[in-house]
Amino acid sequence: MDNISCKELNYLKDLMSWELLACKKSFDYSQKETNPARQDLFTNAAMTHQQNYLDLVDCLNSFNEPTGGMS
C-alpha cells in the first residue's frame, strides 16, 4: 500500500479524536438516561462510534503492514 501523507495522517487523527469523543459522550448519556428507549439509542450510538474508531485504527495499521513476498 502507498505511504500516507502528513496531511492524510492529520485527517485520520482528527477523525479518530471525533469518534472517540462521540463514543465517550454517547456512553455517558446512556448511563445518565432514565428512559430505556433513549438509553438503548445512546448505547447503540456509542457502539457505532466505537466501531468507527476501530475501523480507523485498522486503516492506520494497514499502512504499517509489510507487503509480503521476497525481494
PDB file of N, CA and C in Angstrom:
ATOM      1  N   MET A   1       0.851  -1.179   0.000  1.00  0.00           N
ATOM      2  CA  MET A   1       0.000   0.000   0.000  1.00  0.00           C
ATOM      3  C   MET A   1       0.896   1.241   0.000  1.00  0.00           C
ATOM      4  N   ASP A   2       0.444   2.277  -0.633  1.00  0.00           N
ATOM      5  CA  ASP A   2       1.212   3.516  -0.708  1.00  0.00           C
ATOM      6  C   ASP A   2       1.358   4.146   0.672  1.00  0.00           C
ATOM      7  N   ASN A   3       2.377   4.987   0.787  1.00  0.00           N
ATOM      8  CA  ASN A   3       2.570   5.725   2.034  1.00  0.00           C
ATOM      9  C   ASN A   3       1.460   6.741   2.214  1.00  0.00           C
ATOM     10  N   ILE A   4       1.243   7.120   3.439  1.00  0.00           N
ATOM     11  CA  ILE A   4       0.218   8.109   3.764  1.00  0.00           C
ATOM     12  C   ILE A   4       0.915   9.450   3.985  1.00  0.00           C
ATOM     13  N   SER A   5       0.327  10.512   3.480  1.00  0.00           N
ATOM     14  CA  SER A   5       0.936  11.836   3.633  1.00  0.00           C
ATOM     15  C   SER A   5       0.658  12.380   5.036  1.00  0.00           C
ATOM     16  N   CYS A   6       1.410  13.386   5.409  1.00  0.00           N
ATOM     17  CA  CYS A   6       1.208  14.023   6.718  1.00  0.00           C
ATOM     18  C   CYS A   6      -0.193  14.614   6.829  1.00  0.00           C
ATOM     19  N   LYS A   7      -0.664  15.197   5.747  1.00  0.00           N
ATOM     20  CA  LYS A   7      -2.000  15.799   5.747  1.00  0.00           C
ATOM     21  C   LYS A   7      -3.070  14.725   5.955  1.00  0.00           C
ATOM     22  N   GLU A   8      -2.923  13.598   5.268  1.00  0.00           N
ATOM     23  CA  GLU A   8      -3.873  12.493   5.434  1.00  0.00           C
ATOM     24  C   GLU A   8      -3.813  11.925   6.849  1.00  0.00           C
ATOM     25  N   LEU A   9      -2.615  11.835   7.388  1.00  0.00           N
ATOM     26  CA  LEU A   9      -2.461  11.354   8.756  1.00  0.00           C
ATOM     27  C   LEU A   9      -3.149  12.289   9.743  1.00  0.00           C
ATOM     28  N   ASN A  10      -3.025  13.584   9.518  1.00  0.00           N
ATOM     29  CA  ASN A  10      -3.703  14.549  10.390  1.00  0.00           C
ATOM     30  C   ASN A  10      -5.218  14.434  10.281  1.00  0.00           C
ATOM     31  N   TYR A  11      -5.730  14.184   9.071  1.00  0.00           N
ATOM     32  CA  TYR A  11      -7.171  13.969   8.902  1.00  0.00           C
ATOM     33  C   TYR A  11      -7.616  12.748   9.703  1.00  0.00           C
ATOM     34  N   LEU A  12      -6.845  11.670   9.610  1.00  0.00           N
ATOM     35  CA  LEU A  12      -7.192  10.456  10.350  1.00  0.00           C
ATOM     36  C   LEU A  12      -7.139  10.684  11.858  1.00  0.00           C
ATOM     37  N   LYS A  13      -6.142  11.435  12.310  1.00  0.00           N
ATOM     38  CA  LYS A  13      -6.057  11.754  13.740  1.00  0.00           C
ATOM     39  C   LYS A  13      -7.279  12.536  14.196  1.00  0.00           C
ATOM     40  N   ASP A  14      -7.696  13.511  13.392  1.00  0.00           N
ATOM     41  CA  ASP A  14      -8.892  14.291  13.725  1.00  0.00           C
ATOM     42  C   ASP A  14     -10.128  13.398  13.770  1.00  0.00           C
ATOM     43  N   LEU A  15     -10.283  12.554  12.759  1.00  0.00           N
ATOM     44  CA  LEU A  15     -11.436  11.650  12.729  1.00  0.00           C
ATOM     45  C   LEU A  15     -11.455  10.735  13.950  1.00  0.00           C
ATOM     46  N   MET A  16     -10.283  10.219  14.312  1.00  0.00           N
ATOM     47  CA  MET A  16     -10.209   9.343  15.483  1.00  0.00           C
ATOM     48  C   MET A  16     -10.579  10.098  16.755  1.00  0.00           C
ATOM     49  N   SER A  17     -10.129  11.323  16.878  1.00  0.00           N
ATOM     50  CA  SER A  17     -10.466  12.135  18.054  1.00  0.00           C
ATOM     51  C   SER A  17     -11.964  12.383  18.135  1.00  0.00           C
ATOM     52  N   TRP A  18     -12.574  12.705  16.992  1.00  0.00           N
ATOM     53  CA  TRP A  18     -14.016  12.977  16.973  1.00  0.00           C
ATOM     54  C   TRP A  18     -14.815  11.724  17.302  1.00  0.00           C
ATOM     55  N   GLU A  19     -14.414  10.594  16.744  1.00  0.00           N
ATOM     56  CA  GLU A  19     -15.128   9.343  17.015  1.00  0.00           C
ATOM     57  C   GLU A  19     -14.985   8.939  18.483  1.00  0.00           C
ATOM     58  N   LEU A  20     -13.792   9.104  19.036  1.00  0.00           N
ATOM     59  CA  LEU A  20     -13.582   8.758  20.437  1.00  0.00           C
ATOM     60  C   LEU A  20     -14.419   9.646  21.345  1.00  0.00           C
ATOM     61  N   LEU A  21     -14.448  10.935  21.067  1.00  0.00           N
ATOM     62  CA  LEU A  21     -15.249  11.857  21.864  1.00  0.00           C
ATOM     63  C   LEU A  21     -16.737  11.526  21.752  1.00  0.00           C
ATOM     64  N   ALA A  22     -17.209  11.257  20.544  1.00  0.00           N
ATOM     65  CA  ALA A  22     -18.619  10.917  20.347  1.00  0.00           C
ATOM     66  C   ALA A  22     -18.973   9.621  21.068  1.00  0.00           C
ATOM     67  N   CYS A  23     -18.064   8.669  21.058  1.00  0.00           N
ATOM     68  CA  CYS A  23     -18.283   7.408  21.760  1.00  0.00           C
ATOM     69  C   CYS A  23     -18.398   7.643  23.261  1.00  0.00           C
ATOM     70  N   LYS A  24     -17.474   8.407  23.812  1.00  0.00           N
ATOM     71  CA  LYS A  24     -17.485   8.688  25.250  1.00  0.00           C
ATOM     72  C   LYS A  24     -18.743   9.441  25.662  1.00  0.00           C
ATOM     73  N   LYS A  25     -19.127  10.444  24.878  1.00  0.00           N
ATOM     74  CA  LYS A  25     -20.322  11.228  25.212  1.00  0.00           C
ATOM     75  C   LYS A  25     -21.581  10.380  25.107  1.00  0.00           C
ATOM     76  N   SER A  26     -21.682   9.589  24.065  1.00  0.00           N
ATOM     77  CA  SER A  26     -22.861   8.734  23.897  1.00  0.00           C
ATOM     78  C   SER A  26     -22.975   7.737  25.043  1.00  0.00           C
ATOM     79  N   PHE A  27     -21.849   7.149  25.428  1.00  0.00           N
ATOM     80  CA  PHE A  27     -21.864   6.206  26.546  1.00  0.00           C
ATOM     81  C   PHE A  27     -22.257   6.915  27.841  1.00  0.00           C
ATOM     82  N   ASP A  28     -21.715   8.103  28.058  1.00  0.00           N
ATOM     83  CA  ASP A  28     -22.047   8.877  29.255  1.00  0.00           C
ATOM     84  C   ASP A  28     -23.536   9.213  29.283  1.00  0.00           C
ATOM     85  N   TYR A  29     -24.080   9.638  28.143  1.00  0.00           N
ATOM     86  CA  TYR A  29     -25.511   9.952  28.068  1.00  0.00           C
ATOM     87  C   TYR A  29     -26.351   8.709  28.343  1.00  0.00           C
ATOM     88  N   SER A  30     -25.907   7.558  27.849  1.00  0.00           N
ATOM     89  CA  SER A  30     -26.676   6.329  28.072  1.00  0.00           C
ATOM     90  C   SER A  30     -26.705   5.955  29.553  1.00  0.00           C
ATOM     91  N   GLN A  31     -25.624   6.268  30.268  1.00  0.00           N
ATOM     92  CA  GLN A  31     -25.575   5.967  31.700  1.00  0.00           C
ATOM     93  C   GLN A  31     -26.468   6.897  32.510  1.00  0.00           C
ATOM     94  N   LYS A  32     -26.648   8.113  32.033  1.00  0.00           N
ATOM     95  CA  LYS A  32     -27.438   9.110  32.756  1.00  0.00           C
ATOM     96  C   LYS A  32     -28.921   9.073  32.384  1.00  0.00           C
ATOM     97  N   GLU A  33     -29.244   8.474  31.251  1.00  0.00           N
ATOM     98  CA  GLU A  33     -30.623   8.456  30.760  1.00  0.00           C
ATOM     99  C   GLU A  33     -31.470   7.473  31.567  1.00  0.00           C
ATOM    100  N   THR A  34     -32.690   7.884  31.895  1.00  0.00           N
ATOM    101  CA  THR A  34     -33.595   7.016  32.654  1.00  0.00           C
ATOM    102  C   THR A  34     -34.608   6.317  31.752  1.00  0.00           C
ATOM    103  N   ASN A  35     -34.876   6.882  30.586  1.00  0.00           N
ATOM    104  CA  ASN A  35     -35.800   6.273  29.635  1.00  0.00           C
ATOM    105  C   ASN A  35     -35.079   5.129  28.913  1.00  0.00           C
ATOM    106  N   PRO A  36     -35.576   3.880  29.053  1.00  0.00           N
ATOM    107  CA  PRO A  36     -34.880   2.736  28.438  1.00  0.00           C
ATOM    108  C   PRO A  36     -34.719   2.843  26.920  1.00  0.00           C
ATOM    109  N   ALA A  37     -35.697   3.408  26.236  1.00  0.00           N
ATOM    110  CA  ALA A  37     -35.586   3.534  24.774  1.00  0.00           C
ATOM    111  C   ALA A  37     -34.456   4.487  24.404  1.00  0.00           C
ATOM    112  N   ARG A  38     -34.367   5.589  25.107  1.00  0.00           N
ATOM    113  CA  ARG A  38     -33.282   6.544  24.837  1.00  0.00           C
ATOM    114  C   ARG A  38     -31.940   5.974  25.281  1.00  0.00           C
ATOM    115  N   GLN A  39     -31.949   5.221  26.371  1.00  0.00           N
ATOM    116  CA  GLN A  39     -30.717   4.593  26.841  1.00  0.00           C
ATOM    117  C   GLN A  39     -30.177   3.647  25.764  1.00  0.00           C
ATOM    118  N   ASP A  40     -31.068   2.858  25.165  1.00  0.00           N
ATOM    119  CA  ASP A  40     -30.654   1.960  24.080  1.00  0.00           C
ATOM    120  C   ASP A  40     -30.131   2.741  22.877  1.00  0.00           C
ATOM    121  N   LEU A  41     -30.795   3.849  22.568  1.00  0.00           N
ATOM    122  CA  LEU A  41     -30.363   4.691  21.453  1.00  0.00           C
ATOM    123  C   LEU A  41     -28.935   5.190  21.663  1.00  0.00           C
ATOM    124  N   PHE A  42     -28.653   5.711  22.860  1.00  0.00           N
ATOM    125  CA  PHE A  42     -27.312   6.217  23.154  1.00  0.00           C
ATOM    126  C   PHE A  42     -26.283   5.091  23.207  1.00  0.00           C
ATOM    127  N   THR A  43     -26.688   3.936  23.727  1.00  0.00           N
ATOM    128  CA  THR A  43     -25.775   2.792  23.771  1.00  0.00           C
ATOM    129  C   THR A  43     -25.418   2.347  22.357  1.00  0.00           C
ATOM    130  N   ASN A  44     -26.415   2.277  21.487  1.00  0.00           N
ATOM    131  CA  ASN A  44     -26.152   1.902  20.089  1.00  0.00           C
ATOM    132  C   ASN A  44     -25.267   2.929  19.393  1.00  0.00           C
ATOM    133  N   ALA A  45     -25.497   4.200  19.688  1.00  0.00           N
ATOM    134  CA  ALA A  45     -24.650   5.250  19.104  1.00  0.00           C
ATOM    135  C   ALA A  45     -23.209   5.092  19.583  1.00  0.00           C
ATOM    136  N   ALA A  46     -23.032   4.803  20.873  1.00  0.00           N
ATOM    137  CA  ALA A  46     -21.682   4.610  21.418  1.00  0.00           C
ATOM    138  C   ALA A  46     -20.995   3.432  20.739  1.00  0.00           C
ATOM    139  N   MET A  47     -21.733   2.352  20.533  1.00  0.00           N
ATOM    140  CA  MET A  47     -21.157   1.176  19.884  1.00  0.00           C
ATOM    141  C   MET A  47     -20.786   1.464  18.431  1.00  0.00           C
ATOM    142  N   THR A  48     -21.609   2.248  17.752  1.00  0.00           N
ATOM    143  CA  THR A  48     -21.316   2.624  16.368  1.00  0.00           C
ATOM    144  C   THR A  48     -20.047   3.469  16.296  1.00  0.00           C
ATOM    145  N   HIS A  49     -19.925   4.443  17.187  1.00  0.00           N
ATOM    146  CA  HIS A  49     -18.725   5.288  17.198  1.00  0.00           C
ATOM    147  C   HIS A  49     -17.487   4.474  17.578  1.00  0.00           C
ATOM    148  N   GLN A  50     -17.659   3.513  18.483  1.00  0.00           N
ATOM    149  CA  GLN A  50     -16.538   2.650  18.849  1.00  0.00           C
ATOM    150  C   GLN A  50     -16.080   1.841  17.635  1.00  0.00           C
ATOM    151  N   GLN A  51     -17.030   1.299  16.880  1.00  0.00           N
ATOM    152  CA  GLN A  51     -16.675   0.523  15.692  1.00  0.00           C
ATOM    153  C   GLN A  51     -16.003   1.406  14.645  1.00  0.00           C
ATOM    154  N   ASN A  52     -16.504   2.620  14.474  1.00  0.00           N
ATOM    155  CA  ASN A  52     -15.869   3.560  13.539  1.00  0.00           C
ATOM    156  C   ASN A  52     -14.428   3.834  13.947  1.00  0.00           C
ATOM    157  N   TYR A  53     -14.196   4.025  15.247  1.00  0.00           N
ATOM    158  CA  TYR A  53     -12.850   4.267  15.764  1.00  0.00           C
ATOM    159  C   TYR A  53     -11.946   3.068  15.453  1.00  0.00           C
ATOM    160  N   LEU A  54     -12.450   1.864  15.725  1.00  0.00           N
ATOM    161  CA  LEU A  54     -11.655   0.666  15.473  1.00  0.00           C
ATOM    162  C   LEU A  54     -11.372   0.482  13.983  1.00  0.00           C
ATOM    163  N   ASP A  55     -12.317   0.860  13.136  1.00  0.00           N
ATOM    164  CA  ASP A  55     -12.089   0.799  11.687  1.00  0.00           C
ATOM    165  C   ASP A  55     -10.969   1.753  11.270  1.00  0.00           C
ATOM    166  N   LEU A  56     -10.928   2.922  11.891  1.00  0.00           N
ATOM    167  CA  LEU A  56      -9.849   3.872  11.596  1.00  0.00           C
ATOM    168  C   LEU A  56      -8.501   3.335  12.074  1.00  0.00           C
ATOM    169  N   VAL A  57      -8.491   2.671  13.225  1.00  0.00           N
ATOM    170  CA  VAL A  57      -7.257   2.046  13.720  1.00  0.00           C
ATOM    171  C   VAL A  57      -6.788   0.985  12.725  1.00  0.00           C
ATOM    172  N   ASP A  58      -7.723   0.164  12.247  1.00  0.00           N
ATOM    173  CA  ASP A  58      -7.373  -0.853  11.250  1.00  0.00           C
ATOM    174  C   ASP A  58      -6.816  -0.219   9.977  1.00  0.00           C
ATOM    175  N   CYS A  59      -7.410   0.892   9.586  1.00  0.00           N
ATOM    176  CA  CYS A  59      -6.931   1.606   8.398  1.00  0.00           C
ATOM    177  C   CYS A  59      -5.484   2.053   8.593  1.00  0.00           C
ATOM    178  N   LEU A  60      -5.205   2.621   9.751  1.00  0.00           N
ATOM    179  CA  LEU A  60      -3.831   3.058  10.030  1.00  0.00           C
ATOM    180  C   LEU A  60      -2.875   1.877  10.089  1.00  0.00           C
ATOM    181  N   ASN A  61      -3.317   0.783  10.688  1.00  0.00           N
ATOM    182  CA  ASN A  61      -2.466  -0.401  10.775  1.00  0.00           C
ATOM    183  C   ASN A  61      -2.169  -0.988   9.403  1.00  0.00           C
ATOM    184  N   SER A  62      -3.083  -0.821   8.462  1.00  0.00           N
ATOM    185  CA  SER A  62      -2.858  -1.362   7.124  1.00  0.00           C
ATOM    186  C   SER A  62      -1.687  -0.659   6.430  1.00  0.00           C
ATOM    187  N   PHE A  63      -1.404   0.566   6.817  1.00  0.00           N
ATOM    188  CA  PHE A  63      -0.260   1.283   6.243  1.00  0.00           C
ATOM    189  C   PHE A  63       1.054   0.820   6.852  1.00  0.00           C
ATOM    190  N   ASN A  64       0.967   0.143   7.988  1.00  0.00           N
ATOM    191  CA  ASN A  64       2.159  -0.282   8.698  1.00  0.00           C
ATOM    192  C   ASN A  64       2.508  -1.740   8.414  1.00  0.00           C
ATOM    193  N   GLU A  65       1.644  -2.458   7.693  1.00  0.00           N
ATOM    194  CA  GLU A  65       1.884  -3.869   7.429  1.00  0.00           C
ATOM    195  C   GLU A  65       2.896  -4.045   6.299  1.00  0.00           C
ATOM    196  N   PRO A  66       3.748  -5.048   6.446  1.00  0.00           N
ATOM    197  CA  PRO A  66       4.663  -5.341   5.337  1.00  0.00           C
ATOM    198  C   PRO A  66       3.867  -5.880   4.149  1.00  0.00           C
ATOM    199  N   THR A  67       4.376  -5.647   2.955  1.00  0.00           N
ATOM    200  CA  THR A  67       3.656  -6.054   1.746  1.00  0.00           C
ATOM    201  C   THR A  67       3.766  -7.544   1.501  1.00  0.00           C
ATOM    202  N   GLY A  68       4.689  -8.208   2.158  1.00  0.00           N
ATOM    203  CA  GLY A  68       4.844  -9.650   1.985  1.00  0.00           C
ATOM    204  C   GLY A  68       5.694  -9.977   0.770  1.00  0.00           C
ATOM    205  N   GLY A  69       5.964 -11.260   0.615  1.00  0.00           N
ATOM    206  CA  GLY A  69       6.774 -11.683  -0.525  1.00  0.00           C
ATOM    207  C   GLY A  69       8.251 -11.453  -0.268  1.00  0.00           C
ATOM    208  N   MET A  70       9.063 -11.980  -1.169  1.00  0.00           N
ATOM    209  CA  MET A  70      10.506 -11.828  -1.025  1.00  0.00           C
ATOM    210  C   MET A  70      11.037 -10.919  -2.110  1.00  0.00           C
ATOM    211  N   SER A  71      12.014 -10.140  -1.745  1.00  0.00           N
ATOM    212  CA  SER A  71      12.623  -9.225  -2.717  1.00  0.00           C
ATOM    213  C   SER A  71      13.833  -9.851  -3.344  1.00  0.00           C
TER     214      SER A  71
END
